């Protein structure tokens, strides 16, 4: 799972992201990650998100791959299932809890 939080100039904030935030995000989503496998060997589903929007997508990897045989209805159905998984109250609660913990971190670091 790749997570890119963009460029952060403050080394302490970057360190906080690398050592605490990103591993926590991975742990929250670990049970869901397995569901993002595609139908074939090289295709996959992914998530793109920023502060303004987020979406789940399907990537067949190459136009010559076996994933061209994937039915559009199968892809749409799986996109809906993945969307439901991402919207589970437990996931939202875990993310909110992480955000609260992260808001306390600067005060802990500076004391």
Protein backbone atom coordinates (compact mmCIF):
# COMPACT_ATOMS: atom_id res chain seq x y z
CA UNK A 1 0.00 0.00 0.00
CA UNK A 2 1.47 3.32 -1.07
CA UNK A 3 0.58 6.44 0.86
CA UNK A 4 1.72 9.83 -0.40
CA UNK A 5 0.98 12.79 1.86
CA UNK A 6 2.75 15.23 -0.40
CA UNK A 7 5.82 17.29 0.35
CA UNK A 8 6.28 18.58 3.88
CA UNK A 9 9.10 21.03 4.49
CA UNK A 10 9.09 20.70 8.28
CA UNK A 11 11.34 17.72 9.09
CA UNK A 12 9.62 17.09 12.43
CA UNK A 13 6.19 16.91 10.81
CA UNK A 14 7.57 14.63 8.08
CA UNK A 15 9.08 12.39 10.76
CA UNK A 16 5.74 12.32 12.60
CA UNK A 17 3.99 11.28 9.40
CA UNK A 18 6.55 8.60 8.57
CA UNK A 19 6.85 7.09 12.05
CA UNK A 20 3.32 7.40 13.39
CA UNK A 21 0.59 8.54 10.99
CA UNK A 22 1.31 6.38 7.93
CA UNK A 23 1.75 3.15 9.94
CA UNK A 24 -1.50 3.92 11.79
CA UNK A 25 -3.35 4.49 8.49
CA UNK A 26 -1.98 1.19 7.17
CA UNK A 27 -3.18 -0.64 10.27
CA UNK A 28 -6.68 0.83 9.98
CA UNK A 29 -6.99 -0.22 6.34
CA UNK A 30 -5.11 -3.56 6.53
CA UNK A 31 -8.34 -5.64 6.75
CA UNK A 32 -9.73 -3.85 3.69
CA UNK A 33 -6.59 -3.92 1.54
CA UNK A 34 -7.00 -7.58 0.62
CA UNK A 35 -10.41 -6.75 -0.89
CA UNK A 36 -8.73 -4.38 -3.39
CA UNK A 37 -7.20 -7.20 -5.41
CA UNK A 38 -8.38 -7.33 -8.96
CA UNK A 39 -10.01 -10.18 -10.82
CA UNK A 40 -6.81 -11.29 -12.55
CA UNK A 41 -3.05 -11.33 -11.94
CA UNK A 42 -2.14 -7.74 -12.69
CA UNK A 43 -5.30 -5.67 -12.38
CA UNK A 44 -6.19 -3.89 -9.16
CA UNK A 45 -8.52 -1.46 -7.47
CA UNK A 46 -7.11 1.67 -5.88
CA UNK A 47 -8.06 4.75 -3.90
CA UNK A 48 -7.15 8.33 -4.75
CA UNK A 49 -7.95 10.96 -2.14
CA UNK A 50 -6.99 14.48 -1.17
CA UNK A 51 -8.48 17.16 1.06
CA UNK A 52 -11.20 17.94 -1.49
CA UNK A 53 -12.30 14.56 -2.83
CA UNK A 54 -11.73 10.84 -2.85
CA UNK A 55 -12.60 8.02 -5.21
CA UNK A 56 -12.04 4.32 -5.79
CA UNK A 57 -10.90 3.20 -9.25
CA UNK A 58 -10.18 0.06 -11.24
CA UNK A 59 -6.93 -0.31 -13.15
CA UNK A 60 -6.60 -3.06 -15.78
CA UNK A 61 -2.80 -2.28 -15.96
CA UNK A 62 -2.45 -2.80 -19.69
CA UNK A 63 -4.78 -3.01 -22.65
CA UNK A 64 -3.30 -6.38 -23.64
CA UNK A 65 -3.70 -7.99 -20.25
CA UNK A 66 -6.17 -10.68 -19.29
CA UNK A 67 -8.11 -8.09 -17.27
CA UNK A 68 -9.67 -6.84 -20.49
CA UNK A 69 -12.04 -9.75 -20.04
CA UNK A 70 -13.45 -8.27 -16.82
CA UNK A 71 -17.15 -7.57 -17.11
CA UNK A 72 -18.10 -3.93 -16.58
CA UNK A 73 -20.89 -5.09 -14.26
CA UNK A 74 -18.40 -7.07 -12.14
CA UNK A 75 -16.17 -4.00 -11.89
CA UNK A 76 -19.08 -1.74 -10.94
CA UNK A 77 -20.34 -4.23 -8.35
CA UNK A 78 -16.90 -4.49 -6.77
CA UNK A 79 -16.51 -0.71 -6.76
CA UNK A 80 -19.77 -0.50 -4.80
CA UNK A 81 -18.63 -3.19 -2.33
CA UNK A 82 -15.31 -1.40 -1.78
CA UNK A 83 -17.09 1.92 -1.33
CA UNK A 84 -19.30 0.31 1.32
CA UNK A 85 -16.23 -1.10 3.10
CA UNK A 86 -14.53 2.30 3.13
CA UNK A 87 -17.66 3.93 4.57
CA UNK A 88 -18.08 1.49 7.46
CA UNK A 89 -18.64 3.29 10.77
CA UNK A 90 -15.71 1.40 12.33
CA UNK A 91 -13.30 2.76 9.71
CA UNK A 92 -14.61 6.30 10.10
CA UNK A 93 -14.38 6.02 13.88
CA UNK A 94 -10.78 4.75 13.68
CA UNK A 95 -9.80 7.58 11.33
CA UNK A 96 -11.44 10.16 13.60
CA UNK A 97 -9.66 8.70 16.60
CA UNK A 98 -6.34 8.88 14.73
CA UNK A 99 -6.98 12.52 13.83
CA UNK A 100 -7.67 13.34 17.49
CA UNK A 101 -4.48 11.55 18.54
CA UNK A 102 -2.52 13.42 15.89
CA UNK A 103 -3.89 16.74 17.15
CA UNK A 104 -2.41 16.00 20.59
CA UNK A 105 0.98 14.97 19.23
CA UNK A 106 2.45 18.48 18.70
CA UNK A 107 1.77 19.42 22.33
CA UNK A 108 3.45 16.19 23.47
CA UNK A 109 6.46 16.80 21.20
CA UNK A 110 6.99 20.40 22.38
CA UNK A 111 6.81 19.56 26.11
